Amino acid sequence: MAIQTTVTAQPGWAPDVTYIPAAEAIPDALVLKASTVAGQVEGDSPMVRVLWVDGAEAQSVPEGEEIPEGEPELAETLVVTHRVSVLVPVSLELARQTGRAQLLADSLRRAVIRQADHAFINRPEGTPPAGIIHGIPQVADPVVANLDPLADAVAGIEAAEGIPSIILAAPGAWADLRKVKTGADSAESLLGAGTDDAAPRLLGIPVLRTPAVPSGKLLVLDKRAIVSAVGDVEVATSEHVYFKRNALAQRVTFRFGQALMHPERTALVTVGAADTGGSGE
């Protein structure tokens, strides 16, 4: 019986580079949970052009009368991408320890998710693609003693023909919401006892807590209002660059980008006293 080896097997069984769909490799990344993926590109220069029509209106027309001509706006949103990468040198002796390779791979995956989440929300405006927070309109009043400002934010999104589909919450902001009481003389939390937070929700909208959101903030989003381009996660291992040191290099890269297509279908809400913002908790 022939023995299968890295020489005789298909290349995928002994790869130098492996490409894994982002939805499988990093399914928890915010760009996948809070946006609509519209395409995939490679390189900093190419862009995804997302076409959309605005201002198309239908009318009631009596039988026999002429149908008025519409003048919709033919628009597009451009999505540029950037690359998030991590490179770690590891000695061959360490790489060969049982279970260590998977432990390192999991750590690199978490590092990529952490940086990608921060960039999705907070990447500076001068370095495209800018984080979504720069284009999201802020609700004037903070959430302090009740959820009225949040309700106003949801109503505003719905008035703009959006459907709020997710709320991204800073962990501290969620904790502050838990402390809002049902009344001035009550010890009962407005959000309930909080003993079962398997699927936290606000006003019926799923809540995802993430340190990528600036301190004290909530992002109320219609994920259809945010378009993105998402590439595969590239996982590579090489013994060449550190050959003289008897070591190998492990690299993980992920290319993605995002753009606000309909800012009016999103809202930024402050919880507690208004602050000066920040890049995340």
Protein backbone atom coordinates (compact mmCIF):
# COMPACT_ATOMS: atom_id res chain seq x y z
CA MET A 1 0.00 0.00 0.00
CA ALA A 2 1.40 3.39 -1.06
CA ILE A 3 2.21 5.87 1.70
CA GLN A 4 0.83 9.36 1.24
CA THR A 5 3.49 12.04 1.61
CA THR A 6 3.75 15.79 1.14
CA VAL A 7 5.42 15.02 -2.20
CA THR A 8 2.69 12.81 -3.64
CA ALA A 9 -0.35 14.51 -2.08
CA GLN A 10 -2.21 17.42 -3.63
CA PRO A 11 -0.61 20.81 -2.85
CA GLY A 12 -3.43 21.81 -0.51
CA TRP A 13 -2.32 19.10 1.96
CA ALA A 14 1.16 20.58 2.33
CA PRO A 15 0.72 24.24 1.48
CA ASP A 16 3.04 27.21 1.61
CA VAL A 17 0.03 29.53 1.45
CA THR A 18 -3.62 28.76 2.22
CA TYR A 19 -6.58 30.99 1.38
CA ILE A 20 -9.60 30.61 3.65
CA PRO A 21 -12.91 32.43 3.09
CA ALA A 22 -13.23 35.19 5.67
CA ALA A 23 -16.67 33.95 6.72
CA GLU A 24 -15.01 30.69 7.80
CA ALA A 25 -11.68 31.96 9.16
CA ILE A 26 -12.90 35.06 11.04
CA PRO A 27 -16.71 34.87 11.16
CA ASP A 28 -16.85 37.22 14.15
CA ALA A 29 -15.22 40.17 12.36
CA LEU A 30 -17.42 43.28 12.47
CA VAL A 31 -17.12 43.89 8.74
CA LEU A 32 -19.00 40.61 8.22
CA LYS A 33 -21.58 41.18 10.95
CA ALA A 34 -22.36 44.88 10.43
CA SER A 35 -22.08 45.50 6.68
CA THR A 36 -23.20 44.14 3.33
CA VAL A 37 -20.36 42.48 1.43
CA ALA A 38 -20.47 43.71 -2.16
CA GLY A 39 -17.31 42.30 -3.70
CA GLN A 40 -13.65 41.37 -3.43
CA VAL A 41 -10.47 43.04 -4.69
CA GLU A 42 -6.73 42.57 -4.38
CA GLY A 43 -4.37 45.51 -3.95
CA ASP A 44 -4.64 49.06 -2.60
CA SER A 45 -5.48 50.64 -5.96
CA PRO A 46 -8.51 48.67 -7.27
CA MET A 47 -11.93 49.64 -5.93
CA VAL A 48 -15.36 48.03 -5.74
CA ARG A 49 -18.01 50.22 -7.38
CA VAL A 50 -21.39 49.69 -5.76
CA LEU A 51 -24.22 51.03 -7.95
CA TRP A 52 -27.51 52.22 -6.51
CA VAL A 53 -30.53 54.25 -7.57
CA ASP A 54 -31.92 57.12 -5.51
CA GLY A 55 -35.06 59.18 -5.93
CA ALA A 56 -37.12 56.73 -8.00
CA GLU A 57 -40.80 57.37 -7.23
CA ALA A 58 -43.90 55.48 -8.27
CA GLN A 59 -47.24 57.27 -8.71
CA SER A 60 -50.89 56.38 -8.93
CA VAL A 61 -52.03 56.93 -12.54
CA PRO A 62 -55.70 56.71 -13.58
CA GLU A 63 -56.60 54.49 -16.48
CA GLY A 64 -55.96 56.09 -19.83
CA GLU A 65 -53.72 58.87 -18.56
CA GLU A 66 -50.06 59.33 -19.40
CA ILE A 67 -47.54 57.93 -16.93
CA PRO A 68 -45.16 60.68 -15.77
CA GLU A 69 -41.46 60.17 -16.42
CA GLY A 70 -39.27 59.65 -13.39
CA GLU A 71 -35.84 61.21 -12.91
CA PRO A 72 -33.98 58.94 -10.48
CA GLU A 73 -30.38 59.59 -9.53
CA LEU A 74 -27.97 56.92 -10.73
CA ALA A 75 -25.33 56.87 -7.99
CA GLU A 76 -22.37 54.80 -6.91
CA THR A 77 -20.33 54.24 -3.77
CA LEU A 78 -16.63 53.45 -4.05
CA VAL A 79 -15.09 50.94 -1.66
CA VAL A 80 -11.31 50.95 -1.32
CA THR A 81 -9.51 48.33 0.76
CA HIS A 82 -6.48 47.95 2.96
CA ARG A 83 -4.63 45.01 4.41
CA VAL A 84 -4.39 43.89 8.03
CA SER A 85 -1.39 41.62 8.63
CA VAL A 86 0.55 39.92 11.38
CA LEU A 87 3.92 38.11 11.07
CA VAL A 88 5.46 36.00 13.84
CA PRO A 89 8.84 34.16 13.75
CA VAL A 90 8.84 30.83 15.59
CA SER A 91 11.65 28.38 16.18
CA LEU A 92 11.21 24.99 14.54
CA GLU A 93 11.50 23.33 17.94
CA LEU A 94 8.57 25.37 19.26
CA ALA A 95 6.51 24.85 16.10
CA ARG A 96 6.89 21.09 16.43
CA GLN A 97 5.50 20.97 19.97
CA THR A 98 2.16 19.17 20.04
CA GLY A 99 -0.73 21.62 19.90
CA ARG A 100 1.48 24.72 19.80
CA ALA A 101 0.91 25.45 16.11
CA GLN A 102 -2.87 25.59 16.55
CA LEU A 103 -2.51 27.74 19.65
CA LEU A 104 -0.37 30.22 17.73
CA ALA A 105 -2.73 30.18 14.74
CA ASP A 106 -5.68 30.99 17.00
CA SER A 107 -3.74 33.88 18.54
CA LEU A 108 -2.89 35.32 15.12
CA ARG A 109 -6.52 35.03 14.05
CA ARG A 110 -7.65 36.97 17.12
CA ALA A 111 -5.02 39.64 16.43
CA VAL A 112 -6.31 40.10 12.89
CA ILE A 113 -9.94 40.33 14.08
CA ARG A 114 -9.01 42.85 16.77
CA GLN A 115 -7.20 45.16 14.35
CA ALA A 116 -9.79 44.72 11.59
CA ASP A 117 -12.63 45.61 13.98
CA HIS A 118 -10.83 48.74 15.14
CA ALA A 119 -10.14 49.82 11.55
CA PHE A 120 -13.73 49.11 10.47
CA ILE A 121 -15.00 51.64 13.01
CA ASN A 122 -12.14 54.03 13.76
CA ARG A 123 -9.63 54.13 10.87
CA PRO A 124 -8.70 57.85 10.36
CA GLU A 125 -10.37 59.82 7.58
CA GLY A 126 -7.06 60.70 5.93
CA THR A 127 -6.15 57.05 5.32
CA PRO A 128 -8.87 55.40 3.18
CA PRO A 129 -10.94 53.48 3.81
CA ALA A 130 -12.06 55.64 6.71
CA GLY A 131 -13.82 54.03 9.64
CA ILE A 132 -17.58 54.21 9.55
CA ILE A 133 -17.83 56.31 12.70
CA HIS A 134 -16.61 59.42 10.84
CA GLY A 135 -19.74 59.55 8.69
CA ILE A 136 -22.41 58.49 11.17
CA PRO A 137 -24.67 61.33 12.40
CA GLN A 138 -24.71 61.77 16.18
CA VAL A 139 -27.90 62.00 18.20
CA ALA A 140 -27.91 65.27 20.15
CA ASP A 141 -29.13 63.99 23.51
CA PRO A 142 -27.29 61.26 25.46
CA VAL A 143 -28.96 58.28 27.10
CA VAL A 144 -28.98 59.09 30.82
CA ALA A 145 -32.18 58.26 32.69
CA ASN A 146 -34.20 56.56 29.93
CA LEU A 147 -33.93 55.16 26.41
CA ASP A 148 -35.71 58.05 24.70
CA PRO A 149 -32.64 59.23 22.69
CA LEU A 150 -32.10 55.67 21.44
CA ALA A 151 -35.77 55.43 20.46
CA ASP A 152 -35.40 58.71 18.55
CA ALA A 153 -32.34 57.33 16.76
CA VAL A 154 -34.23 54.21 15.68
CA ALA A 155 -37.19 56.31 14.52
CA GLY A 156 -34.86 58.53 12.49
CA ILE A 157 -33.35 55.54 10.73
CA GLU A 158 -36.77 54.12 9.95
CA ALA A 159 -37.94 57.52 8.68
CA ALA A 160 -35.04 57.38 6.23
CA GLU A 161 -36.37 54.02 4.99
CA GLY A 162 -33.77 52.06 6.90
CA ILE A 163 -34.20 49.00 9.08
CA PRO A 164 -31.96 48.98 12.16
CA SER A 165 -30.39 45.54 12.18
CA ILE A 166 -27.60 45.71 14.76
CA ILE A 167 -26.34 47.90 17.60
CA LEU A 168 -22.59 47.93 18.27
CA ALA A 169 -21.98 48.87 21.90
CA ALA A 170 -18.86 49.75 23.83
CA PRO A 171 -18.67 47.40 26.84
CA GLY A 172 -18.75 50.33 29.26
CA ALA A 173 -21.76 51.83 27.51
CA TRP A 174 -23.64 48.54 27.85
CA ALA A 175 -22.74 48.42 31.55
CA ASP A 176 -24.09 51.97 31.98
CA LEU A 177 -27.33 50.98 30.28
CA ARG A 178 -27.64 48.09 32.72
CA LYS A 179 -27.54 50.65 35.55
CA VAL A 180 -30.47 52.71 34.25
CA LYS A 181 -33.36 52.13 36.64
CA THR A 182 -37.06 51.94 35.96
CA GLY A 183 -37.66 54.93 38.25
CA ALA A 184 -35.96 57.37 40.59
CA ASP A 185 -36.82 55.32 43.67
CA SER A 186 -36.40 51.90 42.06
CA ALA A 187 -33.47 49.49 42.17
CA GLU A 188 -34.80 47.52 39.19
CA SER A 189 -32.80 47.79 35.98
CA LEU A 190 -34.68 49.13 32.96
CA LEU A 191 -33.19 46.27 30.92
CA GLY A 192 -34.18 43.58 33.40
CA ALA A 193 -32.16 41.52 35.85
CA GLY A 194 -29.41 40.80 33.32
CA THR A 195 -29.04 37.19 34.41
CA ASP A 196 -29.56 35.91 30.86
CA ASP A 197 -27.56 37.89 28.30
CA ALA A 198 -27.11 35.12 25.76
CA ALA A 199 -28.66 37.36 23.09
CA PRO A 200 -28.73 40.97 24.34
CA ARG A 201 -31.19 43.30 22.60
CA LEU A 202 -32.28 46.94 22.79
CA LEU A 203 -35.70 47.94 21.46
CA GLY A 204 -35.82 44.56 19.75
CA ILE A 205 -32.48 45.11 17.95
CA PRO A 206 -29.57 42.66 18.51
CA VAL A 207 -26.67 44.18 20.45
CA LEU A 208 -23.02 43.25 19.88
CA ARG A 209 -20.59 44.45 22.54
CA THR A 210 -17.11 45.25 21.26
CA PRO A 211 -14.13 47.26 22.57
CA ALA A 212 -13.67 48.61 19.03
CA VAL A 213 -16.52 51.08 19.67
CA PRO A 214 -15.35 54.31 21.36
CA SER A 215 -16.01 54.58 25.07
CA GLY A 216 -19.57 55.47 26.01
CA LYS A 217 -20.97 55.03 22.50
CA LEU A 218 -23.59 52.97 20.68
CA LEU A 219 -23.69 52.59 16.90
CA VAL A 220 -27.19 51.88 15.60
CA LEU A 221 -26.82 50.48 12.10
CA ASP A 222 -28.78 49.28 9.14
CA LYS A 223 -26.16 46.91 7.74
CA ARG A 224 -27.53 47.51 4.23
CA ALA A 225 -26.39 51.13 4.56
CA ILE A 226 -22.74 50.02 4.83
CA VAL A 227 -21.11 48.27 1.90
CA SER A 228 -17.84 46.43 2.08
CA ALA A 229 -15.28 44.51 0.08
CA VAL A 230 -13.87 41.44 1.78
CA GLY A 231 -11.05 39.17 0.62
CA ASP A 232 -9.94 35.75 1.78
CA VAL A 233 -7.80 35.30 4.85
CA GLU A 234 -4.32 34.31 3.71
CA VAL A 235 -2.37 32.01 6.02
CA ALA A 236 1.26 31.39 5.07
CA THR A 237 4.23 29.59 6.58
CA SER A 238 7.81 29.89 5.36
CA GLU A 239 11.13 28.44 6.52
CA HIS A 240 13.17 30.55 4.11
CA VAL A 241 13.42 34.00 5.67
CA TYR A 242 14.67 32.64 9.01
CA PHE A 243 16.57 29.67 7.57
CA LYS A 244 19.86 30.58 9.31
CA ARG A 245 18.08 30.77 12.65
CA ASN A 246 16.40 27.37 12.26
CA ALA A 247 13.03 29.07 12.50
CA LEU A 248 9.95 29.64 10.42
CA ALA A 249 7.64 32.59 9.89
CA GLN A 250 3.86 32.43 10.22
CA ARG A 251 1.86 35.16 8.53
CA VAL A 252 -1.84 35.99 8.41
CA THR A 253 -3.26 38.75 6.18
CA PHE A 254 -6.79 39.98 5.54
CA ARG A 255 -7.83 42.61 3.01
CA PHE A 256 -11.09 44.50 3.39
CA GLY A 257 -12.69 47.92 3.15
CA GLN A 258 -15.97 49.62 3.94
CA ALA A 259 -17.98 52.70 2.98
CA LEU A 260 -21.13 54.37 4.24
CA MET A 261 -23.67 54.34 1.44
CA HIS A 262 -26.59 55.83 3.42
CA PRO A 263 -25.35 57.65 6.55
CA GLU A 264 -28.91 58.74 7.37
CA ARG A 265 -29.71 55.10 8.09
CA THR A 266 -27.19 54.96 10.93
CA ALA A 267 -26.87 56.77 14.26
CA LEU A 268 -24.26 57.41 16.93
CA VAL A 269 -25.66 57.53 20.47
CA THR A 270 -23.83 58.56 23.63
CA VAL A 271 -24.58 56.78 26.88
CA GLY A 272 -24.16 58.86 30.03
CA ALA A 273 -22.67 62.36 30.10
CA ALA A 274 -21.31 63.50 26.73
CA ASP A 275 -17.56 62.94 26.40
CA THR A 276 -14.80 63.82 23.98
CA GLY A 277 -14.94 60.47 22.20
CA GLY A 278 -11.91 58.30 21.58
CA SER A 279 -10.66 55.47 19.44
CA GLY A 280 -12.02 52.60 21.52
CA GLU A 281 -11.93 51.08 24.94
